[in-house]
């Protein structure tokens, strides 16, 4: 998974879980890039993608802020993205010859590691 997507996921989770509140200012792209030891282009792409998805609003010269949407709206957005990701993974598994049952078993096994 590309680094910018990893950054996006971390920020999305914080927003969805309420650890980042509506209207809260995020670190500048430069500061985030320095803190994570990545290129500013990487943080810029993460912020731009988050803005396209409605999680944040970027204001020229002022910074990046968590969108003013209600928390349940973020849950809805996140669930739609999750559903799309699951469909994509299932299609890849099917194309690779992995049965539906084997796919579900793998999800259960990996899920057990995450949710324990």
PDB file of N, CA and C in Angstrom:
ATOM      1  N   UNK A   1       0.851  -1.172   0.000  1.00  0.00           N
ATOM      2  CA  UNK A   1       0.000   0.000   0.000  1.00  0.00           C
ATOM      3  C   UNK A   1       0.902   1.241   0.000  1.00  0.00           C
ATOM      4  N   UNK A   2       0.643   2.189  -0.896  1.00  0.00           N
ATOM      5  CA  UNK A   2       1.450   3.407  -0.953  1.00  0.00           C
ATOM      6  C   UNK A   2       1.424   4.173   0.377  1.00  0.00           C
ATOM      7  N   UNK A   3       2.502   4.878   0.656  1.00  0.00           N
ATOM      8  CA  UNK A   3       2.628   5.610   1.919  1.00  0.00           C
ATOM      9  C   UNK A   3       1.514   6.634   2.082  1.00  0.00           C
ATOM     10  N   UNK A   4       1.144   7.334   1.007  1.00  0.00           N
ATOM     11  CA  UNK A   4       0.102   8.354   1.149  1.00  0.00           C
ATOM     12  C   UNK A   4      -1.217   7.726   1.588  1.00  0.00           C
ATOM     13  N   UNK A   5      -1.485   6.486   1.129  1.00  0.00           N
ATOM     14  CA  UNK A   5      -2.711   5.794   1.541  1.00  0.00           C
ATOM     15  C   UNK A   5      -2.641   5.392   3.013  1.00  0.00           C
ATOM     16  N   UNK A   6      -1.460   5.017   3.470  1.00  0.00           N
ATOM     17  CA  UNK A   6      -1.291   4.681   4.881  1.00  0.00           C
ATOM     18  C   UNK A   6      -1.556   5.910   5.753  1.00  0.00           C
ATOM     19  N   UNK A   7      -1.054   7.050   5.312  1.00  0.00           N
ATOM     20  CA  UNK A   7      -1.288   8.304   6.040  1.00  0.00           C
ATOM     21  C   UNK A   7      -2.775   8.627   6.036  1.00  0.00           C
ATOM     22  N   UNK A   8      -3.403   8.482   4.884  1.00  0.00           N
ATOM     23  CA  UNK A   8      -4.848   8.729   4.780  1.00  0.00           C
ATOM     24  C   UNK A   8      -5.623   7.866   5.761  1.00  0.00           C
ATOM     25  N   UNK A   9      -5.290   6.574   5.797  1.00  0.00           N
ATOM     26  CA  UNK A   9      -6.017   5.649   6.668  1.00  0.00           C
ATOM     27  C   UNK A   9      -5.880   6.040   8.133  1.00  0.00           C
ATOM     28  N   UNK A  10      -4.692   6.450   8.525  1.00  0.00           N
ATOM     29  CA  UNK A  10      -4.484   6.857   9.917  1.00  0.00           C
ATOM     30  C   UNK A  10      -5.336   8.071  10.260  1.00  0.00           C
ATOM     31  N   UNK A  11      -5.364   9.041   9.358  1.00  0.00           N
ATOM     32  CA  UNK A  11      -6.154  10.253   9.603  1.00  0.00           C
ATOM     33  C   UNK A  11      -7.644   9.926   9.566  1.00  0.00           C
ATOM     34  N   UNK A  12      -8.069   9.110   8.597  1.00  0.00           N
ATOM     35  CA  UNK A  12      -9.480   8.706   8.513  1.00  0.00           C
ATOM     36  C   UNK A  12      -9.932   8.052   9.809  1.00  0.00           C
ATOM     37  N   UNK A  13      -9.138   7.132  10.318  1.00  0.00           N
ATOM     38  CA  UNK A  13      -9.505   6.424  11.543  1.00  0.00           C
ATOM     39  C   UNK A  13      -9.643   7.389  12.713  1.00  0.00           C
ATOM     40  N   UNK A  14      -8.729   8.341  12.805  1.00  0.00           N
ATOM     41  CA  UNK A  14      -8.800   9.319  13.895  1.00  0.00           C
ATOM     42  C   UNK A  14     -10.057  10.178  13.783  1.00  0.00           C
ATOM     43  N   UNK A  15     -10.439  10.518  12.563  1.00  0.00           N
ATOM     44  CA  UNK A  15     -11.649  11.324  12.357  1.00  0.00           C
ATOM     45  C   UNK A  15     -12.890  10.496  12.675  1.00  0.00           C
ATOM     46  N   UNK A  16     -12.958   9.294  12.128  1.00  0.00           N
ATOM     47  CA  UNK A  16     -14.124   8.430  12.331  1.00  0.00           C
ATOM     48  C   UNK A  16     -14.298   8.090  13.809  1.00  0.00           C
ATOM     49  N   UNK A  17     -13.192   7.866  14.512  1.00  0.00           N
ATOM     50  CA  UNK A  17     -13.251   7.512  15.932  1.00  0.00           C
ATOM     51  C   UNK A  17     -13.437   8.716  16.846  1.00  0.00           C
ATOM     52  N   UNK A  18     -13.432   9.920  16.265  1.00  0.00           N
ATOM     53  CA  UNK A  18     -13.632  11.123  17.070  1.00  0.00           C
ATOM     54  C   UNK A  18     -12.379  11.646  17.745  1.00  0.00           C
ATOM     55  N   UNK A  19     -11.218  11.072  17.418  1.00  0.00           N
ATOM     56  CA  UNK A  19      -9.966  11.561  17.991  1.00  0.00           C
ATOM     57  C   UNK A  19      -9.535  12.885  17.361  1.00  0.00           C
ATOM     58  N   UNK A  20     -10.044  13.158  16.174  1.00  0.00           N
ATOM     59  CA  UNK A  20      -9.886  14.466  15.534  1.00  0.00           C
ATOM     60  C   UNK A  20     -11.293  15.014  15.355  1.00  0.00           C
ATOM     61  N   UNK A  21     -11.532  16.202  15.848  1.00  0.00           N
ATOM     62  CA  UNK A  21     -12.876  16.766  15.838  1.00  0.00           C
ATOM     63  C   UNK A  21     -13.102  17.675  14.640  1.00  0.00           C
ATOM     64  N   UNK A  22     -14.367  17.847  14.295  1.00  0.00           N
ATOM     65  CA  UNK A  22     -14.744  18.754  13.207  1.00  0.00           C
ATOM     66  C   UNK A  22     -14.143  20.129  13.456  1.00  0.00           C
ATOM     67  N   UNK A  23     -13.553  20.685  12.404  1.00  0.00           N
ATOM     68  CA  UNK A  23     -12.959  22.013  12.490  1.00  0.00           C
ATOM     69  C   UNK A  23     -11.544  22.041  13.020  1.00  0.00           C
ATOM     70  N   UNK A  24     -11.060  20.918  13.517  1.00  0.00           N
ATOM     71  CA  UNK A  24      -9.711  20.873  14.079  1.00  0.00           C
ATOM     72  C   UNK A  24      -8.673  20.989  12.968  1.00  0.00           C
ATOM     73  N   UNK A  25      -7.664  21.800  13.225  1.00  0.00           N
ATOM     74  CA  UNK A  25      -6.595  21.991  12.247  1.00  0.00           C
ATOM     75  C   UNK A  25      -5.619  20.815  12.313  1.00  0.00           C
ATOM     76  N   UNK A  26      -5.257  20.316  11.143  1.00  0.00           N
ATOM     77  CA  UNK A  26      -4.271  19.245  11.045  1.00  0.00           C
ATOM     78  C   UNK A  26      -2.880  19.863  10.923  1.00  0.00           C
ATOM     79  N   UNK A  27      -1.841  19.080  11.186  1.00  0.00           N
ATOM     80  CA  UNK A  27      -0.485  19.605  11.002  1.00  0.00           C
ATOM     81  C   UNK A  27      -0.284  20.045   9.550  1.00  0.00           C
ATOM     82  N   UNK A  28       0.560  21.024   9.357  1.00  0.00           N
ATOM     83  CA  UNK A  28       0.852  21.453   7.986  1.00  0.00           C
ATOM     84  C   UNK A  28       1.490  20.295   7.233  1.00  0.00           C
ATOM     85  N   UNK A  29       1.404  20.348   5.912  1.00  0.00           N
ATOM     86  CA  UNK A  29       1.994  19.294   5.092  1.00  0.00           C
ATOM     87  C   UNK A  29       3.483  19.160   5.379  1.00  0.00           C
ATOM     88  N   UNK A  30       4.134  20.283   5.542  1.00  0.00           N
ATOM     89  CA  UNK A  30       5.576  20.293   5.792  1.00  0.00           C
ATOM     90  C   UNK A  30       5.907  19.644   7.141  1.00  0.00           C
ATOM     91  N   UNK A  31       5.161  20.007   8.175  1.00  0.00           N
ATOM     92  CA  UNK A  31       5.395  19.448   9.513  1.00  0.00           C
ATOM     93  C   UNK A  31       5.110  17.948   9.521  1.00  0.00           C
ATOM     94  N   UNK A  32       3.994  17.548   8.913  1.00  0.00           N
ATOM     95  CA  UNK A  32       3.642  16.129   8.868  1.00  0.00           C
ATOM     96  C   UNK A  32       4.703  15.338   8.102  1.00  0.00           C
ATOM     97  N   UNK A  33       5.166  15.890   6.992  1.00  0.00           N
ATOM     98  CA  UNK A  33       6.208  15.222   6.202  1.00  0.00           C
ATOM     99  C   UNK A  33       7.477  15.053   7.035  1.00  0.00           C
ATOM    100  N   UNK A  34       7.846  16.093   7.759  1.00  0.00           N
ATOM    101  CA  UNK A  34       9.044  16.016   8.599  1.00  0.00           C
ATOM    102  C   UNK A  34       8.860  14.979   9.709  1.00  0.00           C
ATOM    103  N   UNK A  35       7.719  15.031  10.389  1.00  0.00           N
ATOM    104  CA  UNK A  35       7.459  14.109  11.503  1.00  0.00           C
ATOM    105  C   UNK A  35       7.432  12.650  11.056  1.00  0.00           C
ATOM    106  N   UNK A  36       6.874  12.396   9.876  1.00  0.00           N
ATOM    107  CA  UNK A  36       6.764  11.026   9.366  1.00  0.00           C
ATOM    108  C   UNK A  36       7.964  10.609   8.517  1.00  0.00           C
ATOM    109  N   UNK A  37       8.857  11.569   8.285  1.00  0.00           N
ATOM    110  CA  UNK A  37      10.046  11.337   7.461  1.00  0.00           C
ATOM    111  C   UNK A  37       9.676  10.859   6.063  1.00  0.00           C
ATOM    112  N   UNK A  38       8.744  11.600   5.456  1.00  0.00           N
ATOM    113  CA  UNK A  38       8.324  11.330   4.083  1.00  0.00           C
ATOM    114  C   UNK A  38       8.405  12.628   3.293  1.00  0.00           C
ATOM    115  N   UNK A  39       8.219  12.519   1.999  1.00  0.00           N
ATOM    116  CA  UNK A  39       8.226  13.683   1.123  1.00  0.00           C
ATOM    117  C   UNK A  39       6.983  14.539   1.363  1.00  0.00           C
ATOM    118  N   UNK A  40       7.135  15.836   1.208  1.00  0.00           N
ATOM    119  CA  UNK A  40       5.978  16.732   1.318  1.00  0.00           C
ATOM    120  C   UNK A  40       4.959  16.407   0.224  1.00  0.00           C
ATOM    121  N   UNK A  41       5.422  15.891  -0.900  1.00  0.00           N
ATOM    122  CA  UNK A  41       4.516  15.481  -1.982  1.00  0.00           C
ATOM    123  C   UNK A  41       3.604  14.351  -1.499  1.00  0.00           C
ATOM    124  N   UNK A  42       4.139  13.469  -0.673  1.00  0.00           N
ATOM    125  CA  UNK A  42       3.352  12.362  -0.122  1.00  0.00           C
ATOM    126  C   UNK A  42       2.253  12.884   0.792  1.00  0.00           C
ATOM    127  N   UNK A  43       2.596  13.808   1.686  1.00  0.00           N
ATOM    128  CA  UNK A  43       1.579  14.349   2.598  1.00  0.00           C
ATOM    129  C   UNK A  43       0.569  15.192   1.831  1.00  0.00           C
ATOM    130  N   UNK A  44       1.036  15.896   0.813  1.00  0.00           N
ATOM    131  CA  UNK A  44       0.121  16.702  -0.007  1.00  0.00           C
ATOM    132  C   UNK A  44      -0.904  15.800  -0.687  1.00  0.00           C
ATOM    133  N   UNK A  45      -0.445  14.689  -1.230  1.00  0.00           N
ATOM    134  CA  UNK A  45      -1.369  13.768  -1.906  1.00  0.00           C
ATOM    135  C   UNK A  45      -2.372  13.174  -0.916  1.00  0.00           C
ATOM    136  N   UNK A  46      -1.900  12.822   0.272  1.00  0.00           N
ATOM    137  CA  UNK A  46      -2.805  12.275   1.297  1.00  0.00           C
ATOM    138  C   UNK A  46      -3.884  13.294   1.645  1.00  0.00           C
ATOM    139  N   UNK A  47      -3.495  14.541   1.876  1.00  0.00           N
ATOM    140  CA  UNK A  47      -4.466  15.586   2.219  1.00  0.00           C
ATOM    141  C   UNK A  47      -5.429  15.846   1.062  1.00  0.00           C
ATOM    142  N   UNK A  48      -4.903  15.869  -0.163  1.00  0.00           N
ATOM    143  CA  UNK A  48      -5.775  16.109  -1.324  1.00  0.00           C
ATOM    144  C   UNK A  48      -6.809  14.995  -1.484  1.00  0.00           C
ATOM    145  N   UNK A  49      -6.378  13.758  -1.295  1.00  0.00           N
ATOM    146  CA  UNK A  49      -7.310  12.628  -1.408  1.00  0.00           C
ATOM    147  C   UNK A  49      -8.348  12.668  -0.293  1.00  0.00           C
ATOM    148  N   UNK A  50      -7.926  13.022   0.913  1.00  0.00           N
ATOM    149  CA  UNK A  50      -8.867  13.144   2.031  1.00  0.00           C
ATOM    150  C   UNK A  50      -9.886  14.248   1.761  1.00  0.00           C
ATOM    151  N   UNK A  51      -9.435  15.305   1.099  1.00  0.00           N
ATOM    152  CA  UNK A  51     -10.359  16.391   0.757  1.00  0.00           C
ATOM    153  C   UNK A  51     -11.379  15.914  -0.281  1.00  0.00           C
ATOM    154  N   UNK A  52     -10.922  15.163  -1.277  1.00  0.00           N
ATOM    155  CA  UNK A  52     -11.842  14.631  -2.295  1.00  0.00           C
ATOM    156  C   UNK A  52     -12.918  13.750  -1.669  1.00  0.00           C
ATOM    157  N   UNK A  53     -12.536  13.018  -0.626  1.00  0.00           N
ATOM    158  CA  UNK A  53     -13.464  12.110   0.051  1.00  0.00           C
ATOM    159  C   UNK A  53     -14.357  12.824   1.067  1.00  0.00           C
ATOM    160  N   UNK A  54     -14.056  14.102   1.330  1.00  0.00           N
ATOM    161  CA  UNK A  54     -14.898  14.872   2.238  1.00  0.00           C
ATOM    162  C   UNK A  54     -14.481  14.847   3.697  1.00  0.00           C
ATOM    163  N   UNK A  55     -13.318  14.286   3.997  1.00  0.00           N
ATOM    164  CA  UNK A  55     -12.863  14.224   5.385  1.00  0.00           C
ATOM    165  C   UNK A  55     -12.262  15.545   5.861  1.00  0.00           C
ATOM    166  N   UNK A  56     -11.598  16.247   4.967  1.00  0.00           N
ATOM    167  CA  UNK A  56     -10.928  17.494   5.342  1.00  0.00           C
ATOM    168  C   UNK A  56     -11.239  18.590   4.331  1.00  0.00           C
ATOM    169  N   UNK A  57     -10.943  19.811   4.755  1.00  0.00           N
ATOM    170  CA  UNK A  57     -11.072  20.975   3.883  1.00  0.00           C
ATOM    171  C   UNK A  57      -9.732  21.694   3.924  1.00  0.00           C
ATOM    172  N   UNK A  58      -9.175  21.960   2.743  1.00  0.00           N
ATOM    173  CA  UNK A  58      -7.919  22.704   2.680  1.00  0.00           C
ATOM    174  C   UNK A  58      -8.228  24.151   2.321  1.00  0.00           C
ATOM    175  N   UNK A  59      -7.662  25.062   3.103  1.00  0.00           N
ATOM    176  CA  UNK A  59      -7.858  26.490   2.881  1.00  0.00           C
ATOM    177  C   UNK A  59      -6.504  27.075   2.505  1.00  0.00           C
ATOM    178  N   UNK A  60      -6.410  27.619   1.288  1.00  0.00           N
ATOM    179  CA  UNK A  60      -5.140  28.149   0.795  1.00  0.00           C
ATOM    180  C   UNK A  60      -4.549  29.152   1.781  1.00  0.00           C
ATOM    181  N   UNK A  61      -3.303  28.917   2.153  1.00  0.00           N
ATOM    182  CA  UNK A  61      -2.592  29.821   3.038  1.00  0.00           C
ATOM    183  C   UNK A  61      -2.966  29.708   4.509  1.00  0.00           C
ATOM    184  N   UNK A  62      -3.949  28.881   4.819  1.00  0.00           N
ATOM    185  CA  UNK A  62      -4.398  28.766   6.217  1.00  0.00           C
ATOM    186  C   UNK A  62      -4.238  27.366   6.779  1.00  0.00           C
ATOM    187  N   UNK A  63      -4.260  26.353   5.938  1.00  0.00           N
ATOM    188  CA  UNK A  63      -4.056  25.002   6.431  1.00  0.00           C
ATOM    189  C   UNK A  63      -5.152  24.030   6.056  1.00  0.00           C
ATOM    190  N   UNK A  64      -5.089  22.892   6.701  1.00  0.00           N
ATOM    191  CA  UNK A  64      -6.013  21.790   6.444  1.00  0.00           C
ATOM    192  C   UNK A  64      -6.802  21.514   7.720  1.00  0.00           C
ATOM    193  N   UNK A  65      -8.128  21.416   7.581  1.00  0.00           N
ATOM    194  CA  UNK A  65      -9.015  21.264   8.735  1.00  0.00           C
ATOM    195  C   UNK A  65      -9.927  20.060   8.540  1.00  0.00           C
ATOM    196  N   UNK A  66     -10.286  19.421   9.661  1.00  0.00           N
ATOM    197  CA  UNK A  66     -11.265  18.345   9.613  1.00  0.00           C
ATOM    198  C   UNK A  66     -12.589  18.957   9.182  1.00  0.00           C
ATOM    199  N   UNK A  67     -13.260  18.302   8.255  1.00  0.00           N
ATOM    200  CA  UNK A  67     -14.544  18.777   7.737  1.00  0.00           C
ATOM    201  C   UNK A  67     -15.545  18.961   8.871  1.00  0.00           C
ATOM    202  N   UNK A  68     -16.501  19.848   8.659  1.00  0.00           N
ATOM    203  CA  UNK A  68     -17.530  20.135   9.666  1.00  0.00           C
ATOM    204  C   UNK A  68     -18.679  19.134   9.634  1.00  0.00           C
ATOM    205  N   UNK A  69     -18.511  18.036   8.919  1.00  0.00           N
ATOM    206  CA  UNK A  69     -19.573  17.033   8.840  1.00  0.00           C
ATOM    207  C   UNK A  69     -19.799  16.390  10.204  1.00  0.00           C
ATOM    208  N   UNK A  70     -20.997  15.859  10.389  1.00  0.00           N
ATOM    209  CA  UNK A  70     -21.323  15.161  11.631  1.00  0.00           C
ATOM    210  C   UNK A  70     -20.589  13.823  11.661  1.00  0.00           C
ATOM    211  N   UNK A  71     -20.236  13.338  12.870  1.00  0.00           N
ATOM    212  CA  UNK A  71     -19.497  12.070  12.971  1.00  0.00           C
ATOM    213  C   UNK A  71     -20.160  10.903  12.248  1.00  0.00           C
ATOM    214  N   UNK A  72     -21.496  10.823  12.278  1.00  0.00           N
ATOM    215  CA  UNK A  72     -22.160   9.703  11.604  1.00  0.00           C
ATOM    216  C   UNK A  72     -21.974   9.772  10.089  1.00  0.00           C
ATOM    217  N   UNK A  73     -21.778  10.982   9.564  1.00  0.00           N
ATOM    218  CA  UNK A  73     -21.505  11.131   8.133  1.00  0.00           C
ATOM    219  C   UNK A  73     -20.157  10.500   7.798  1.00  0.00           C
ATOM    220  N   UNK A  74     -19.168  10.696   8.673  1.00  0.00           N
ATOM    221  CA  UNK A  74     -17.864  10.082   8.457  1.00  0.00           C
ATOM    222  C   UNK A  74     -17.976   8.562   8.486  1.00  0.00           C
ATOM    223  N   UNK A  75     -18.804   8.026   9.391  1.00  0.00           N
ATOM    224  CA  UNK A  75     -19.009   6.579   9.462  1.00  0.00           C
ATOM    225  C   UNK A  75     -19.582   6.057   8.144  1.00  0.00           C
ATOM    226  N   UNK A  76     -20.543   6.786   7.587  1.00  0.00           N
ATOM    227  CA  UNK A  76     -21.163   6.384   6.322  1.00  0.00           C
ATOM    228  C   UNK A  76     -20.134   6.382   5.198  1.00  0.00           C
ATOM    229  N   UNK A  77     -19.341   7.441   5.117  1.00  0.00           N
ATOM    230  CA  UNK A  77     -18.297   7.533   4.091  1.00  0.00           C
ATOM    231  C   UNK A  77     -17.318   6.375   4.246  1.00  0.00           C
ATOM    232  N   UNK A  78     -16.889   6.139   5.473  1.00  0.00           N
ATOM    233  CA  UNK A  78     -15.906   5.092   5.749  1.00  0.00           C
ATOM    234  C   UNK A  78     -16.453   3.718   5.372  1.00  0.00           C
ATOM    235  N   UNK A  79     -17.715   3.464   5.699  1.00  0.00           N
ATOM    236  CA  UNK A  79     -18.322   2.165   5.379  1.00  0.00           C
ATOM    237  C   UNK A  79     -18.414   1.953   3.864  1.00  0.00           C
ATOM    238  N   UNK A  80     -18.718   3.007   3.116  1.00  0.00           N
ATOM    239  CA  UNK A  80     -18.772   2.888   1.655  1.00  0.00           C
ATOM    240  C   UNK A  80     -17.392   2.544   1.098  1.00  0.00           C
ATOM    241  N   UNK A  81     -16.366   3.216   1.618  1.00  0.00           N
ATOM    242  CA  UNK A  81     -15.002   2.931   1.179  1.00  0.00           C
ATOM    243  C   UNK A  81     -14.620   1.501   1.535  1.00  0.00           C
ATOM    244  N   UNK A  82     -14.991   1.083   2.736  1.00  0.00           N
ATOM    245  CA  UNK A  82     -14.695  -0.273   3.178  1.00  0.00           C
ATOM    246  C   UNK A  82     -15.362  -1.294   2.261  1.00  0.00           C
ATOM    247  N   UNK A  83     -16.625  -1.063   1.936  1.00  0.00           N
ATOM    248  CA  UNK A  83     -17.354  -1.972   1.042  1.00  0.00           C
ATOM    249  C   UNK A  83     -16.670  -2.058  -0.321  1.00  0.00           C
ATOM    250  N   UNK A  84     -16.239  -0.924  -0.854  1.00  0.00           N
ATOM    251  CA  UNK A  84     -15.545  -0.921  -2.149  1.00  0.00           C
ATOM    252  C   UNK A  84     -14.230  -1.691  -2.074  1.00  0.00           C
ATOM    253  N   UNK A  85     -13.499  -1.513  -0.971  1.00  0.00           N
ATOM    254  CA  UNK A  85     -12.231  -2.227  -0.802  1.00  0.00           C
ATOM    255  C   UNK A  85     -12.454  -3.729  -0.701  1.00  0.00           C
ATOM    256  N   UNK A  86     -13.495  -4.121   0.025  1.00  0.00           N
ATOM    257  CA  UNK A  86     -13.800  -5.549   0.162  1.00  0.00           C
ATOM    258  C   UNK A  86     -14.167  -6.149  -1.191  1.00  0.00           C
ATOM    259  N   UNK A  87     -15.008  -5.444  -1.952  1.00  0.00           N
ATOM    260  CA  UNK A  87     -15.388  -5.931  -3.285  1.00  0.00           C
ATOM    261  C   UNK A  87     -14.159  -6.106  -4.170  1.00  0.00           C
ATOM    262  N   UNK A  88     -13.261  -5.145  -4.116  1.00  0.00           N
ATOM    263  CA  UNK A  88     -12.044  -5.206  -4.920  1.00  0.00           C
ATOM    264  C   UNK A  88     -11.178  -6.400  -4.514  1.00  0.00           C
ATOM    265  N   UNK A  89     -11.023  -6.608  -3.216  1.00  0.00           N
ATOM    266  CA  UNK A  89     -10.237  -7.747  -2.735  1.00  0.00           C
ATOM    267  C   UNK A  89     -10.880  -9.066  -3.136  1.00  0.00           C
ATOM    268  N   UNK A  90     -12.200  -9.139  -3.058  1.00  0.00           N
ATOM    269  CA  UNK A  90     -12.901 -10.368  -3.437  1.00  0.00           C
ATOM    270  C   UNK A  90     -12.730 -10.657  -4.925  1.00  0.00           C
ATOM    271  N   UNK A  91     -12.796  -9.624  -5.741  1.00  0.00           N
ATOM    272  CA  UNK A  91     -12.626  -9.808  -7.180  1.00  0.00           C
ATOM    273  C   UNK A  91     -11.219 -10.289  -7.493  1.00  0.00           C
ATOM    274  N   UNK A  92     -10.219  -9.705  -6.814  1.00  0.00           N
ATOM    275  CA  UNK A  92      -8.837 -10.140  -7.011  1.00  0.00           C
ATOM    276  C   UNK A  92      -8.662 -11.598  -6.608  1.00  0.00           C
ATOM    277  N   UNK A  93      -9.267 -11.977  -5.480  1.00  0.00           N
ATOM    278  CA  UNK A  93      -9.174 -13.365  -5.018  1.00  0.00           C
ATOM    279  C   UNK A  93      -9.830 -14.307  -6.025  1.00  0.00           C
ATOM    280  N   UNK A  94     -11.008 -13.932  -6.495  1.00  0.00           N
ATOM    281  CA  UNK A  94     -11.733 -14.753  -7.474  1.00  0.00           C
ATOM    282  C   UNK A  94     -10.910 -14.917  -8.749  1.00  0.00           C
ATOM    283  N   UNK A  95     -10.337 -13.808  -9.231  1.00  0.00           N
ATOM    284  CA  UNK A  95      -9.516 -13.847 -10.443  1.00  0.00           C
ATOM    285  C   UNK A  95      -8.266 -14.706 -10.261  1.00  0.00           C
ATOM    286  N   UNK A  96      -7.820 -14.847  -9.015  1.00  0.00           N
ATOM    287  CA  UNK A  96      -6.633 -15.653  -8.713  1.00  0.00           C
ATOM    288  C   UNK A  96      -6.972 -17.110  -8.443  1.00  0.00           C
ATOM    289  N   UNK A  97      -8.267 -17.447  -8.550  1.00  0.00           N
ATOM    290  CA  UNK A  97      -8.682 -18.825  -8.352  1.00  0.00           C
ATOM    291  C   UNK A  97      -8.955 -19.207  -6.904  1.00  0.00           C
ATOM    292  N   UNK A  98      -9.019 -18.228  -6.026  1.00  0.00           N
ATOM    293  CA  UNK A  98      -9.307 -18.494  -4.614  1.00  0.00           C
ATOM    294  C   UNK A  98     -10.817 -18.596  -4.442  1.00  0.00           C
ATOM    295  N   UNK A  99     -11.250 -19.671  -3.815  1.00  0.00           N
ATOM    296  CA  UNK A  99     -12.692 -19.877  -3.634  1.00  0.00           C
ATOM    297  C   UNK A  99     -13.256 -18.881  -2.622  1.00  0.00           C
ATOM    298  N   UNK A 100     -14.558 -18.709  -2.698  1.00  0.00           N
ATOM    299  CA  UNK A 100     -15.267 -17.824  -1.765  1.00  0.00           C
ATOM    300  C   UNK A 100     -15.052 -18.292  -0.326  1.00  0.00           C
ATOM    301  N   UNK A 101     -15.148 -19.600  -0.120  1.00  0.00           N
ATOM    302  CA  UNK A 101     -14.959 -20.161   1.223  1.00  0.00           C
ATOM    303  C   UNK A 101     -13.543 -19.904   1.737  1.00  0.00           C
ATOM    304  N   UNK A 102     -12.539 -20.102   0.883  1.00  0.00           N
ATOM    305  CA  UNK A 102     -11.151 -19.845   1.283  1.00  0.00           C
ATOM    306  C   UNK A 102     -10.935 -18.365   1.578  1.00  0.00           C
ATOM    307  N   UNK A 103     -11.564 -17.517   0.781  1.00  0.00           N
ATOM    308  CA  UNK A 103     -11.461 -16.075   1.014  1.00  0.00           C
ATOM    309  C   UNK A 103     -12.021 -15.730   2.395  1.00  0.00           C
ATOM    310  N   UNK A 104     -13.214 -16.242   2.700  1.00  0.00           N
ATOM    311  CA  UNK A 104     -13.836 -15.960   3.998  1.00  0.00           C
ATOM    312  C   UNK A 104     -13.006 -16.511   5.152  1.00  0.00           C
ATOM    313  N   UNK A 105     -12.434 -17.690   4.972  1.00  0.00           N
ATOM    314  CA  UNK A 105     -11.577 -18.262   6.013  1.00  0.00           C
ATOM    315  C   UNK A 105     -10.362 -17.382   6.273  1.00  0.00           C
ATOM    316  N   UNK A 106      -9.791 -16.846   5.205  1.00  0.00           N
ATOM    317  CA  UNK A 106      -8.631 -15.960   5.349  1.00  0.00           C
ATOM    318  C   UNK A 106      -9.024 -14.669   6.067  1.00  0.00           C
ATOM    319  N   UNK A 107     -10.187 -14.132   5.714  1.00  0.00           N
ATOM    320  CA  UNK A 107     -10.677 -12.919   6.382  1.00  0.00           C
ATOM    321  C   UNK A 107     -10.866 -13.192   7.873  1.00  0.00           C
ATOM    322  N   UNK A 108     -11.463 -14.327   8.200  1.00  0.00           N
ATOM    323  CA  UNK A 108     -11.677 -14.684   9.614  1.00  0.00           C
ATOM    324  C   UNK A 108     -10.349 -14.839  10.347  1.00  0.00           C
ATOM    325  N   UNK A 109      -9.401 -15.492   9.704  1.00  0.00           N
ATOM    326  CA  UNK A 109      -8.096 -15.699  10.337  1.00  0.00           C
ATOM    327  C   UNK A 109      -7.398 -14.366  10.595  1.00  0.00           C
ATOM    328  N   UNK A 110      -7.359 -13.520   9.575  1.00  0.00           N
ATOM    329  CA  UNK A 110      -6.700 -12.223   9.728  1.00  0.00           C
ATOM    330  C   UNK A 110      -7.474 -11.326  10.693  1.00  0.00           C
ATOM    331  N   UNK A 111      -8.793 -11.402  10.619  1.00  0.00           N
ATOM    332  CA  UNK A 111      -9.624 -10.614  11.532  1.00  0.00           C
ATOM    333  C   UNK A 111      -9.399 -11.000  12.978  1.00  0.00           C
ATOM    334  N   UNK A 112      -9.198 -12.286  13.221  1.00  0.00           N
ATOM    335  CA  UNK A 112      -8.914 -12.746  14.574  1.00  0.00           C
ATOM    336  C   UNK A 112      -7.636 -12.149  15.127  1.00  0.00           C
ATOM    337  N   UNK A 113      -6.664 -11.936  14.251  1.00  0.00           N
ATOM    338  CA  UNK A 113      -5.394 -11.323  14.677  1.00  0.00           C
ATOM    339  C   UNK A 113      -5.580  -9.847  15.021  1.00  0.00           C
ATOM    340  N   UNK A 114      -6.449  -9.193  14.286  1.00  0.00           N
ATOM    341  CA  UNK A 114      -6.672  -7.757  14.495  1.00  0.00           C
ATOM    342  C   UNK A 114      -7.579  -7.496  15.688  1.00  0.00           C
ATOM    343  N   UNK A 115      -8.642  -8.282  15.809  1.00  0.00           N
ATOM    344  CA  UNK A 115      -9.660  -8.020  16.828  1.00  0.00           C
ATOM    345  C   UNK A 115      -9.397  -8.696  18.170  1.00  0.00           C
ATOM    346  N   UNK A 116      -8.312  -9.455  18.291  1.00  0.00           N
ATOM    347  CA  UNK A 116      -7.997 -10.091  19.582  1.00  0.00           C
ATOM    348  C   UNK A 116      -7.467  -9.111  20.584  1.00  0.00           C
TER     349      UNK A 116
END
